């Protein structure tokens, strides 16, 4: 059994694309528009993806507080953190820090809709 993707509503599809593709370095894998007009864009990496749902007619209210955070594996927490800050200037929850006890370097930032994204770099 596998987790295939996580679907979340977004308020601005282009800002979301910029954050996750240009900022985090993920790839847009595919997209489609459903019969009801909702745009669905799948963005991910090697092991999974997000499904971003956008309704140009307005869609549901975004409540980013309903999800604690999502974690994204990165090659370098510091480089990714700086690249995102240069492009989007998102709110920062936690600056890059090393968690020696579990062998990772992490940072927490918010995406354009306020969803918290954890950047995780596995250390050797």
Protein backbone atom coordinates (compact mmCIF):
# COMPACT_ATOMS: atom_id res chain seq x y z
CA UNK A 1 0.00 0.00 0.00
CA UNK A 2 1.17 3.53 -0.83
CA UNK A 3 0.09 7.11 -0.24
CA UNK A 4 -0.33 8.50 -3.75
CA UNK A 5 -1.02 12.20 -3.23
CA UNK A 6 -2.48 14.79 -0.89
CA UNK A 7 -5.12 17.18 -2.24
CA UNK A 8 -5.46 20.73 -0.93
CA UNK A 9 -7.45 23.74 -2.09
CA UNK A 10 -5.52 26.85 -3.11
CA UNK A 11 -6.64 30.42 -3.74
CA UNK A 12 -4.11 31.35 -6.45
CA UNK A 13 -2.84 28.59 -8.70
CA UNK A 14 -0.01 30.62 -10.26
CA UNK A 15 1.41 31.69 -6.89
CA UNK A 16 1.19 28.07 -5.75
CA UNK A 17 3.03 26.88 -8.87
CA UNK A 18 5.76 29.49 -8.36
CA UNK A 19 6.23 28.55 -4.70
CA UNK A 20 6.38 24.78 -5.17
CA UNK A 21 8.11 24.61 -8.59
CA UNK A 22 10.40 27.65 -8.70
CA UNK A 23 10.94 27.92 -4.94
CA UNK A 24 11.04 24.33 -3.74
CA UNK A 25 12.24 22.77 -7.00
CA UNK A 26 9.39 20.30 -7.46
CA UNK A 27 7.94 19.37 -10.86
CA UNK A 28 4.49 19.79 -12.34
CA UNK A 29 3.62 16.22 -13.30
CA UNK A 30 0.20 16.67 -14.91
CA UNK A 31 -3.03 18.62 -14.69
CA UNK A 32 -6.65 18.56 -15.76
CA UNK A 33 -9.81 20.62 -15.45
CA UNK A 34 -12.80 18.71 -14.06
CA UNK A 35 -16.31 18.97 -15.49
CA UNK A 36 -17.22 21.42 -12.70
CA UNK A 37 -14.42 23.80 -13.80
CA UNK A 38 -12.08 23.00 -10.90
CA UNK A 39 -8.45 22.99 -12.03
CA UNK A 40 -6.31 20.16 -10.63
CA UNK A 41 -2.53 20.43 -10.79
CA UNK A 42 -0.21 17.66 -9.58
CA UNK A 43 3.20 18.84 -8.37
CA UNK A 44 5.75 16.55 -6.76
CA UNK A 45 9.07 14.83 -6.61
CA UNK A 46 10.38 11.28 -6.79
CA UNK A 47 8.19 9.73 -4.11
CA UNK A 48 4.86 11.52 -4.16
CA UNK A 49 2.95 14.59 -5.11
CA UNK A 50 0.44 17.21 -4.09
CA UNK A 51 -2.83 17.73 -5.91
CA UNK A 52 -3.62 21.43 -5.84
CA UNK A 53 -7.28 22.20 -6.48
CA UNK A 54 -8.30 25.63 -7.70
CA UNK A 55 -11.79 26.86 -8.50
CA UNK A 56 -11.70 29.98 -10.70
CA UNK A 57 -15.33 30.63 -9.71
CA UNK A 58 -14.31 31.10 -6.08
CA UNK A 59 -14.24 27.66 -4.48
CA UNK A 60 -14.20 26.96 -0.75
CA UNK A 61 -12.59 29.21 1.83
CA UNK A 62 -9.01 28.21 2.53
CA UNK A 63 -8.37 27.18 6.14
CA UNK A 64 -4.67 26.42 6.41
CA UNK A 65 -5.06 25.79 10.13
CA UNK A 66 -6.71 22.44 9.47
CA UNK A 67 -3.33 20.89 8.53
CA UNK A 68 -0.33 21.04 10.87
CA UNK A 69 2.24 20.89 8.06
CA UNK A 70 3.51 18.95 5.06
CA UNK A 71 7.13 17.81 4.79
CA UNK A 72 9.21 18.06 1.63
CA UNK A 73 12.60 16.39 1.28
CA UNK A 74 15.28 18.74 -0.08
CA UNK A 75 18.96 18.39 -0.94
CA UNK A 76 19.86 21.49 1.07
CA UNK A 77 17.56 23.09 3.62
CA UNK A 78 19.59 26.30 3.63
CA UNK A 79 19.70 26.72 -0.16
CA UNK A 80 16.00 25.90 -0.58
CA UNK A 81 15.05 28.22 2.28
CA UNK A 82 17.00 31.10 0.72
CA UNK A 83 15.61 30.43 -2.79
CA UNK A 84 12.03 30.50 -1.48
CA UNK A 85 12.66 33.70 0.49
CA UNK A 86 14.12 35.40 -2.60
CA UNK A 87 11.06 34.53 -4.71
CA UNK A 88 8.10 34.68 -2.39
CA UNK A 89 9.12 36.19 0.96
CA UNK A 90 6.81 33.82 2.85
CA UNK A 91 6.21 33.94 6.59
CA UNK A 92 8.90 31.92 8.38
CA UNK A 93 7.86 29.61 11.20
CA UNK A 94 11.36 28.29 12.00
CA UNK A 95 14.73 29.26 10.49
CA UNK A 96 16.98 26.38 9.36
CA UNK A 97 18.13 24.32 12.31
CA UNK A 98 19.88 20.99 12.79
CA UNK A 99 18.20 18.24 14.78
CA UNK A 100 21.23 16.06 15.58
CA UNK A 101 19.19 13.47 17.48
CA UNK A 102 17.35 12.45 14.31
CA UNK A 103 19.98 13.45 11.73
CA UNK A 104 18.13 16.15 9.81
CA UNK A 105 18.29 19.86 9.09
CA UNK A 106 14.85 21.47 8.91
CA UNK A 107 13.07 24.78 8.42
CA UNK A 108 9.36 25.67 8.45
CA UNK A 109 7.85 28.23 6.06
CA UNK A 110 4.35 29.08 4.88
CA UNK A 111 3.15 28.68 1.30
CA UNK A 112 0.97 31.37 -0.38
CA UNK A 113 -2.19 30.06 1.34
CA UNK A 114 -0.61 29.76 4.77
CA UNK A 115 -0.06 26.00 4.70
CA UNK A 116 3.11 25.25 6.68
CA UNK A 117 5.82 23.44 4.73
CA UNK A 118 8.68 21.67 6.50
CA UNK A 119 11.91 21.51 4.51
CA UNK A 120 13.81 18.36 5.49
CA UNK A 121 17.42 17.61 4.57
CA UNK A 122 18.69 14.23 5.72
CA UNK A 123 22.22 14.48 7.11
CA UNK A 124 24.82 11.76 6.88
